[in-house]
Amino acid sequence: METKKALPVLFLVMFLVMIGFGIIIPVLPFYAEKIGANPTELGLLMAVYSLMQLLFAPMWGRISDRIGRKPVIMIGIFGLAISFFLMAVSTQLWMLFAARIIGGVLSSANMPTTMAYVADITSPEDRGKGMGIIGAAVGLGFIFGPAIGGVFSKTSLNMPFYISGISSLITFFLVLILLKESLPKEKRNAHLEKKSSMFAAFNGPVSILFILQLFISLSLSGLEATFAYFAAKKAGLGAIELGYIFMIMGLAGAIVQGGVVGRLTKKFGEGLVIQAGIIISAIGFACILLVDSFTTAAIYLTIFGIGNGVIRPSVSALLTKTSTVGHGSATGLLSSFDSLGRIIGPPLGGWLFSVAAGLPYISGAFLSVIAFLLYRVYHVRAKKTSAIAQS
């Protein structure tokens, strides 16, 4: 296992993939508007991407269990490059939708397959560290991407899409040259001899972890969709201050994921880290209601970000340790639940905000409590299942 070599390569790959994503985030609304999209169509343009990820991530995870991780990661990154170039040359709204759909279908291969790769090359006790490093790469890419996109959008609105496309092509060749396959041929069909369904990963106590991830993703995307309005209303903060606040939150989350998650899961186990993360997230949500300035917004959002940042890598690590299907099938299904949260979260958060400004954060704290209770149920059921298996 060349873990020491493979993890830095995977970090770089996911960092570049997420920079490509991030570059187009601040530009897409204006670009779509220029082509003629109204706010509803813009919302659909965002949602259709997550919908494709929801539908196709389990399929790609399963394919990677069959044919190996490297070819599937390459398909995902090449798909991203195609979608960025298609967006760059789009002159009509349907072309933009087509590009987003193609991008969503193919790029949904990236996250689950990368996580399955990490699960292949790490020992169970180092799994949390590996997942955390990928989480940190994602977080950092999302921090630097929008900043780069903002700068280049001043040249022209098409330019960021071309840059994302070129960045994805470079990443594709990096994977081709530097990344070794992590799943040897003899292990590929180990979990697939029985013609089990794509949702076989959803069996037993493990199914609770998927629902837990859905709630975490739901509450996070609800916050992301509404915090700009909330901060403007409560503290008069504008777009530039918000950019800095999300940057501080993202950096804190990335540092925790890259440096702390591994040590904590190794010492205390994933279960304890997941529970602590949920509690810190809930405290963060409650604190956000008290935002009254740039400083309080930055502090409270960072508390939330640190709590939220440790959950996903720990859930991924625990899932790949306990699931009885291939790593790709398990991480693919997890990515699906993550996407479902991202589809439902923004409109739900927007609706709650329109009822009362603080509601998205009260509901976020409430969802965190439910997620905590779900973990306790999982823990009890997993113990029972394990005891039965041993007796």
Protein backbone atom coordinates (compact mmCIF):
# COMPACT_ATOMS: atom_id res chain seq x y z
CA MET A 1 0.00 0.00 0.00
CA GLU A 2 1.62 3.26 -1.06
CA THR A 3 -0.53 5.30 1.31
CA LYS A 4 2.16 7.91 1.91
CA LYS A 5 2.40 8.65 -1.82
CA ALA A 6 -1.26 8.24 -2.74
CA LEU A 7 -2.84 10.50 -0.09
CA PRO A 8 -0.96 13.68 -1.15
CA VAL A 9 -1.89 12.96 -4.79
CA LEU A 10 -5.55 12.48 -3.83
CA PHE A 11 -5.41 15.68 -1.77
CA LEU A 12 -4.08 17.61 -4.77
CA VAL A 13 -6.64 16.03 -7.13
CA MET A 14 -9.64 16.85 -4.92
CA PHE A 15 -8.25 20.33 -4.19
CA LEU A 16 -8.02 21.07 -7.93
CA VAL A 17 -11.45 19.53 -8.62
CA MET A 18 -13.02 21.75 -5.95
CA ILE A 19 -11.15 24.85 -7.12
CA GLY A 20 -12.75 24.24 -10.53
CA PHE A 21 -16.18 24.03 -8.86
CA GLY A 22 -15.49 27.05 -6.68
CA ILE A 23 -14.31 29.29 -9.55
CA ILE A 24 -17.74 29.20 -11.22
CA ILE A 25 -19.83 29.63 -8.02
CA PRO A 26 -19.77 33.46 -7.85
CA VAL A 27 -20.01 33.81 -11.65
CA LEU A 28 -22.79 31.35 -12.57
CA PRO A 29 -25.75 33.49 -11.37
CA PHE A 30 -24.61 36.52 -13.45
CA TYR A 31 -23.66 34.35 -16.42
CA ALA A 32 -27.07 32.61 -16.41
CA GLU A 33 -28.81 35.97 -16.00
CA LYS A 34 -26.93 37.35 -19.03
CA ILE A 35 -28.17 34.37 -21.09
CA GLY A 36 -31.71 35.08 -19.87
CA ALA A 37 -32.36 33.00 -16.74
CA ASN A 38 -34.84 34.24 -14.13
CA PRO A 39 -34.31 33.48 -10.38
CA THR A 40 -36.42 30.30 -10.54
CA GLU A 41 -34.46 28.97 -13.52
CA LEU A 42 -31.22 29.82 -11.73
CA GLY A 43 -32.43 27.79 -8.73
CA LEU A 44 -33.22 24.89 -11.07
CA LEU A 45 -29.79 25.21 -12.70
CA MET A 46 -28.21 24.74 -9.24
CA ALA A 47 -30.61 21.95 -8.23
CA VAL A 48 -30.33 19.88 -11.44
CA TYR A 49 -26.61 19.36 -10.77
CA SER A 50 -27.26 18.04 -7.24
CA LEU A 51 -30.11 15.90 -8.58
CA MET A 52 -27.78 14.18 -11.08
CA GLN A 53 -25.28 13.61 -8.26
CA LEU A 54 -28.03 12.11 -6.12
CA LEU A 55 -29.06 9.70 -8.89
CA PHE A 56 -25.65 8.68 -10.24
CA ALA A 57 -23.21 8.64 -7.28
CA PRO A 58 -24.25 5.13 -6.11
CA MET A 59 -23.88 3.82 -9.67
CA TRP A 60 -20.32 5.18 -10.02
CA GLY A 61 -19.34 3.89 -6.58
CA ARG A 62 -20.54 0.45 -7.57
CA ILE A 63 -18.78 0.60 -10.97
CA SER A 64 -15.54 1.49 -9.15
CA ASP A 65 -15.96 -1.70 -7.08
CA ARG A 66 -16.10 -3.58 -10.43
CA ILE A 67 -13.47 -1.97 -12.64
CA GLY A 68 -11.20 -0.19 -10.14
CA ARG A 69 -11.01 3.35 -8.77
CA LYS A 70 -8.61 5.08 -11.18
CA PRO A 71 -10.67 4.80 -14.41
CA VAL A 72 -13.81 6.02 -12.60
CA ILE A 73 -12.01 9.04 -11.08
CA MET A 74 -10.69 9.87 -14.56
CA ILE A 75 -14.21 9.66 -16.07
CA GLY A 76 -15.45 12.02 -13.34
CA ILE A 77 -12.73 14.61 -13.90
CA PHE A 78 -13.00 14.45 -17.71
CA GLY A 79 -16.76 14.93 -17.36
CA LEU A 80 -16.15 18.06 -15.31
CA ALA A 81 -13.79 19.46 -17.96
CA ILE A 82 -16.39 18.86 -20.71
CA SER A 83 -19.15 20.53 -18.67
CA PHE A 84 -17.00 23.63 -17.92
CA PHE A 85 -16.05 24.09 -21.59
CA LEU A 86 -19.70 23.59 -22.64
CA MET A 87 -20.77 26.26 -20.14
CA ALA A 88 -18.09 28.62 -21.46
CA VAL A 89 -19.54 28.46 -25.00
CA SER A 90 -23.22 28.43 -23.97
CA THR A 91 -25.30 31.10 -25.67
CA GLN A 92 -28.74 29.80 -24.66
CA LEU A 93 -30.22 28.59 -21.41
CA TRP A 94 -30.82 25.02 -22.61
CA MET A 95 -27.09 24.71 -23.38
CA LEU A 96 -26.27 25.74 -19.81
CA PHE A 97 -28.73 23.16 -18.48
CA ALA A 98 -27.26 20.46 -20.75
CA ALA A 99 -23.75 21.30 -19.52
CA ARG A 100 -24.86 21.14 -15.86
CA ILE A 101 -26.63 17.80 -16.41
CA ILE A 102 -23.61 16.24 -18.18
CA GLY A 103 -21.34 17.62 -15.44
CA GLY A 104 -23.60 16.29 -12.68
CA VAL A 105 -23.90 12.80 -14.18
CA LEU A 106 -20.15 12.32 -14.79
CA SER A 107 -18.63 14.29 -11.89
CA SER A 108 -20.75 12.40 -9.36
CA ALA A 109 -18.06 9.74 -9.84
CA ASN A 110 -15.41 11.88 -8.09
CA MET A 111 -16.32 12.06 -4.42
CA PRO A 112 -17.51 8.49 -3.70
CA THR A 113 -14.67 6.93 -5.70
CA THR A 114 -12.01 9.09 -4.03
CA MET A 115 -13.39 8.14 -0.62
CA ALA A 116 -13.48 4.47 -1.61
CA TYR A 117 -9.84 4.84 -2.73
CA VAL A 118 -8.95 6.22 0.72
CA ALA A 119 -10.78 3.30 2.34
CA ASP A 120 -8.78 0.87 0.15
CA ILE A 121 -5.37 2.24 1.13
CA THR A 122 -5.85 3.06 4.83
CA SER A 123 -5.92 0.75 7.83
CA PRO A 124 -9.15 0.96 9.90
CA GLU A 125 -7.46 3.08 12.60
CA ASP A 126 -6.06 5.57 10.06
CA ARG A 127 -9.27 5.73 8.02
CA GLY A 128 -10.54 8.89 9.77
CA LYS A 129 -7.28 10.68 9.03
CA GLY A 130 -7.48 9.78 5.32
CA MET A 131 -11.12 10.90 5.04
CA GLY A 132 -10.25 14.10 6.92
CA ILE A 133 -7.46 14.92 4.46
CA ILE A 134 -9.93 14.62 1.55
CA GLY A 135 -12.42 16.79 3.47
CA ALA A 136 -9.71 19.41 3.97
CA ALA A 137 -8.89 19.40 0.23
CA VAL A 138 -12.57 19.94 -0.59
CA GLY A 139 -12.84 22.77 1.95
CA LEU A 140 -9.69 24.56 0.75
CA GLY A 141 -10.74 24.26 -2.91
CA PHE A 142 -14.05 25.90 -2.06
CA ILE A 143 -12.19 28.75 -0.32
CA PHE A 144 -9.72 29.58 -3.10
CA GLY A 145 -12.00 28.79 -6.05
CA PRO A 146 -14.57 31.60 -5.60
CA ALA A 147 -11.77 34.14 -5.01
CA ILE A 148 -10.10 33.13 -8.31
CA GLY A 149 -13.49 33.17 -10.08
CA GLY A 150 -14.23 36.67 -8.78
CA VAL A 151 -10.91 38.00 -10.10
CA PHE A 152 -11.20 36.49 -13.59
CA SER A 153 -14.88 37.37 -14.01
CA LYS A 154 -13.69 40.99 -14.31
CA THR A 155 -12.00 40.05 -17.64
CA SER A 156 -15.16 38.40 -18.99
CA LEU A 157 -17.93 36.20 -17.61
CA ASN A 158 -16.79 33.29 -19.82
CA MET A 159 -13.20 33.34 -18.60
CA PRO A 160 -13.75 31.54 -15.23
CA PHE A 161 -15.41 28.61 -17.07
CA TYR A 162 -12.43 28.24 -19.41
CA ILE A 163 -10.05 28.34 -16.44
CA SER A 164 -12.09 25.67 -14.62
CA GLY A 165 -12.05 23.52 -17.77
CA ILE A 166 -8.27 23.84 -18.20
CA SER A 167 -7.72 23.16 -14.47
CA SER A 168 -9.85 19.97 -14.79
CA LEU A 169 -7.86 18.78 -17.82
CA ILE A 170 -4.59 19.29 -15.92
CA THR A 171 -6.08 17.30 -13.01
CA PHE A 172 -7.11 14.53 -15.43
CA PHE A 173 -3.49 14.12 -16.61
CA LEU A 174 -2.22 14.28 -13.02
CA VAL A 175 -4.45 11.30 -12.16
CA LEU A 176 -3.41 9.48 -15.33
CA ILE A 177 0.32 9.86 -14.59
CA LEU A 178 0.62 9.93 -10.78
CA LEU A 179 -2.22 7.87 -9.32
CA LYS A 180 -1.81 4.10 -8.98
CA GLU A 181 -4.86 1.80 -8.86
CA SER A 182 -5.88 1.00 -5.26
CA LEU A 183 -8.18 -1.97 -5.91
CA PRO A 184 -6.30 -4.99 -7.31
CA LYS A 185 -8.13 -7.18 -9.84
CA GLU A 186 -8.56 -10.11 -7.44
CA LYS A 187 -10.45 -7.91 -4.93
CA ARG A 188 -12.74 -6.26 -7.44
CA ASN A 189 -15.61 -8.68 -7.42
CA ALA A 190 -15.33 -9.78 -3.80
CA HIS A 191 -18.57 -8.00 -2.82
CA LEU A 192 -20.29 -8.46 -6.14
CA GLU A 193 -20.43 -12.24 -6.51
CA LYS A 194 -23.99 -12.17 -5.21
CA LYS A 195 -26.09 -10.04 -7.54
CA SER A 196 -27.01 -7.65 -4.74
CA SER A 197 -28.95 -4.44 -5.36
CA MET A 198 -27.21 -1.09 -5.57
CA PHE A 199 -28.86 -0.28 -2.24
CA ALA A 200 -27.52 -3.36 -0.43
CA ALA A 201 -25.30 -0.91 1.47
CA PHE A 202 -28.49 0.31 3.12
CA ASN A 203 -28.98 -2.90 5.11
CA GLY A 204 -28.72 -3.24 8.89
CA PRO A 205 -27.82 -0.58 11.50
CA VAL A 206 -25.53 1.14 8.94
CA SER A 207 -28.65 2.56 7.23
CA ILE A 208 -29.01 4.98 10.18
CA LEU A 209 -25.67 6.60 9.28
CA PHE A 210 -27.02 7.57 5.83
CA ILE A 211 -30.06 9.27 7.39
CA LEU A 212 -27.77 11.03 9.89
CA GLN A 213 -25.67 12.39 7.00
CA LEU A 214 -28.85 13.59 5.26
CA PHE A 215 -29.83 15.67 8.30
CA ILE A 216 -26.32 17.14 8.62
CA SER A 217 -26.25 18.05 4.93
CA LEU A 218 -29.80 19.46 5.09
CA SER A 219 -29.01 21.78 7.99
CA LEU A 220 -25.69 22.93 6.47
CA SER A 221 -27.17 23.78 3.04
CA GLY A 222 -30.10 25.59 4.71
CA LEU A 223 -27.58 27.76 6.56
CA GLU A 224 -25.49 28.42 3.42
CA ALA A 225 -28.59 29.49 1.48
CA THR A 226 -29.89 31.97 4.07
CA PHE A 227 -26.96 33.30 6.09
CA ALA A 228 -26.25 36.18 3.67
CA TYR A 229 -29.78 37.56 4.20
CA PHE A 230 -29.63 36.91 7.95
CA ALA A 231 -26.25 38.63 8.39
CA ALA A 232 -27.41 41.62 6.28
CA LYS A 233 -30.55 41.96 8.39
CA LYS A 234 -28.96 41.45 11.83
CA ALA A 235 -25.54 43.07 11.36
CA GLY A 236 -25.72 44.98 8.07
CA LEU A 237 -22.99 42.84 6.50
CA GLY A 238 -22.39 43.00 2.74
CA ALA A 239 -21.02 40.57 0.15
CA ILE A 240 -17.34 41.28 0.83
CA GLU A 241 -17.63 40.76 4.62
CA LEU A 242 -19.61 37.58 3.99
CA GLY A 243 -16.89 36.30 1.67
CA TYR A 244 -14.37 36.78 4.48
CA ILE A 245 -16.62 35.11 7.05
CA PHE A 246 -17.15 32.02 4.89
CA MET A 247 -13.42 31.98 4.18
CA ILE A 248 -12.61 31.99 7.93
CA MET A 249 -15.19 29.25 8.54
CA GLY A 250 -13.86 27.19 5.62
CA LEU A 251 -10.24 27.52 6.74
CA ALA A 252 -11.09 26.50 10.30
CA GLY A 253 -13.03 23.49 8.99
CA ALA A 254 -10.18 22.50 6.65
CA ILE A 255 -7.54 22.76 9.41
CA VAL A 256 -9.67 20.61 11.72
CA GLN A 257 -10.35 18.02 8.99
CA GLY A 258 -6.77 17.87 7.76
CA GLY A 259 -5.00 17.93 11.11
CA VAL A 260 -7.30 16.96 13.95
CA VAL A 261 -9.93 14.44 12.73
CA GLY A 262 -7.39 11.66 12.20
CA ARG A 263 -5.87 12.03 15.67
CA LEU A 264 -9.25 12.21 17.37
CA THR A 265 -10.76 9.19 15.58
CA LYS A 266 -7.60 7.18 16.26
CA LYS A 267 -7.71 8.04 19.97
CA PHE A 268 -11.46 8.09 20.72
CA GLY A 269 -13.07 6.27 17.76
CA GLU A 270 -15.35 7.71 15.07
CA GLY A 271 -18.50 7.46 17.19
CA LEU A 272 -17.35 9.90 19.84
CA VAL A 273 -16.03 12.35 17.22
CA ILE A 274 -19.35 12.26 15.31
CA GLN A 275 -21.30 12.97 18.52
CA ALA A 276 -18.97 15.80 19.57
CA GLY A 277 -19.20 17.31 16.07
CA ILE A 278 -23.00 17.25 16.17
CA ILE A 279 -23.07 18.91 19.62
CA ILE A 280 -20.63 21.67 18.51
CA SER A 281 -22.72 22.22 15.33
CA ALA A 282 -25.89 22.60 17.42
CA ILE A 283 -24.14 25.14 19.71
CA GLY A 284 -22.98 26.99 16.57
CA PHE A 285 -26.55 27.12 15.22
CA ALA A 286 -27.86 28.50 18.55
CA CYS A 287 -25.06 31.13 18.66
CA ILE A 288 -25.82 32.31 15.10
CA LEU A 289 -29.14 33.67 16.40
CA LEU A 290 -27.07 36.17 18.47
CA VAL A 291 -25.06 37.57 15.52
CA ASP A 292 -24.79 41.38 15.73
CA SER A 293 -21.45 42.24 14.06
CA PHE A 294 -18.74 40.97 11.71
CA THR A 295 -16.77 39.54 14.67
CA THR A 296 -19.67 37.62 16.22
CA ALA A 297 -20.71 36.31 12.78
CA ALA A 298 -17.16 35.07 12.12
CA ILE A 299 -16.80 33.45 15.57
CA TYR A 300 -20.21 31.74 15.66
CA LEU A 301 -20.03 30.51 12.07
CA THR A 302 -16.54 29.13 12.75
CA ILE A 303 -17.83 27.22 15.81
CA PHE A 304 -20.47 25.71 13.53
CA GLY A 305 -17.91 25.03 10.78
CA ILE A 306 -15.54 23.17 13.12
CA GLY A 307 -18.36 20.96 14.43
CA ASN A 308 -19.75 20.29 10.97
CA GLY A 309 -16.28 19.67 9.50
CA VAL A 310 -15.51 16.62 11.63
CA ILE A 311 -18.80 14.81 10.98
CA ARG A 312 -18.59 13.80 7.31
CA PRO A 313 -15.05 12.30 7.36
CA SER A 314 -15.88 10.39 10.56
CA VAL A 315 -19.17 9.07 9.13
CA SER A 316 -17.35 8.02 5.93
CA ALA A 317 -14.64 6.25 7.94
CA LEU A 318 -17.15 4.46 10.16
CA LEU A 319 -19.27 3.47 7.17
CA THR A 320 -16.42 1.91 5.18
CA LYS A 321 -15.36 -0.02 8.30
CA THR A 322 -18.79 -1.45 9.08
CA SER A 323 -20.53 -1.82 5.70
CA THR A 324 -20.60 -5.33 4.25
CA VAL A 325 -20.68 -4.18 0.61
CA GLY A 326 -17.79 -2.73 -1.42
CA HIS A 327 -16.32 0.60 -0.34
CA GLY A 328 -17.50 2.25 -3.57
CA SER A 329 -21.12 1.17 -3.10
CA ALA A 330 -21.13 2.47 0.49
CA THR A 331 -19.50 5.85 -0.27
CA GLY A 332 -21.65 6.26 -3.40
CA LEU A 333 -24.83 5.91 -1.40
CA LEU A 334 -23.47 8.31 1.25
CA SER A 335 -22.79 10.91 -1.48
CA SER A 336 -26.37 10.42 -2.65
CA PHE A 337 -27.80 11.25 0.77
CA ASP A 338 -25.46 14.24 0.95
CA SER A 339 -26.83 15.49 -2.39
CA LEU A 340 -30.42 14.94 -1.28
CA GLY A 341 -29.75 17.24 1.69
CA ARG A 342 -28.27 19.83 -0.68
CA ILE A 343 -31.37 19.70 -2.91
CA ILE A 344 -33.94 20.04 -0.10
CA GLY A 345 -31.91 22.32 2.19
CA PRO A 346 -31.79 25.64 0.26
CA PRO A 347 -35.53 25.93 -0.64
CA LEU A 348 -36.50 24.72 2.85
CA GLY A 349 -34.08 27.20 4.47
CA GLY A 350 -35.40 30.01 2.24
CA TRP A 351 -39.00 29.21 3.14
CA LEU A 352 -38.20 29.04 6.89
CA PHE A 353 -36.34 32.37 6.63
CA SER A 354 -39.39 33.98 5.00
CA VAL A 355 -41.51 32.82 7.97
CA ALA A 356 -39.02 34.13 10.56
CA ALA A 357 -35.36 35.12 10.10
CA GLY A 358 -34.05 32.87 12.89
CA LEU A 359 -36.01 29.73 11.89
CA PRO A 360 -33.35 28.12 9.62
CA TYR A 361 -30.91 28.11 12.57
CA ILE A 362 -33.44 26.96 15.17
CA SER A 363 -34.40 24.12 12.81
CA GLY A 364 -30.67 23.45 12.21
CA ALA A 365 -30.11 23.02 15.95
CA PHE A 366 -33.21 20.79 16.09
CA LEU A 367 -31.95 18.64 13.17
CA SER A 368 -28.60 18.33 14.99
CA VAL A 369 -30.40 16.98 18.08
CA ILE A 370 -32.21 14.43 15.87
CA ALA A 371 -28.88 13.46 14.25
CA PHE A 372 -27.37 12.97 17.72
CA LEU A 373 -30.26 10.70 18.78
CA LEU A 374 -29.95 8.79 15.49
CA TYR A 375 -26.30 8.10 16.26
CA ARG A 376 -27.26 6.75 19.71
CA VAL A 377 -29.83 4.43 18.06
CA TYR A 378 -27.19 3.28 15.54
CA HIS A 379 -24.72 2.61 18.37
CA VAL A 380 -27.17 0.43 20.33
CA ARG A 381 -28.29 -1.50 17.23
CA ALA A 382 -24.72 -2.05 16.00
CA LYS A 383 -23.73 -3.42 19.41
CA LYS A 384 -26.70 -5.82 19.36
CA THR A 385 -25.93 -6.98 15.82
CA SER A 386 -22.28 -7.53 16.74
CA ALA A 387 -23.22 -9.49 19.88
CA ILE A 388 -25.58 -11.72 17.87
CA ALA A 389 -22.88 -12.33 15.23
CA GLN A 390 -20.35 -13.35 17.89
CA SER A 391 -22.66 -15.65 19.85
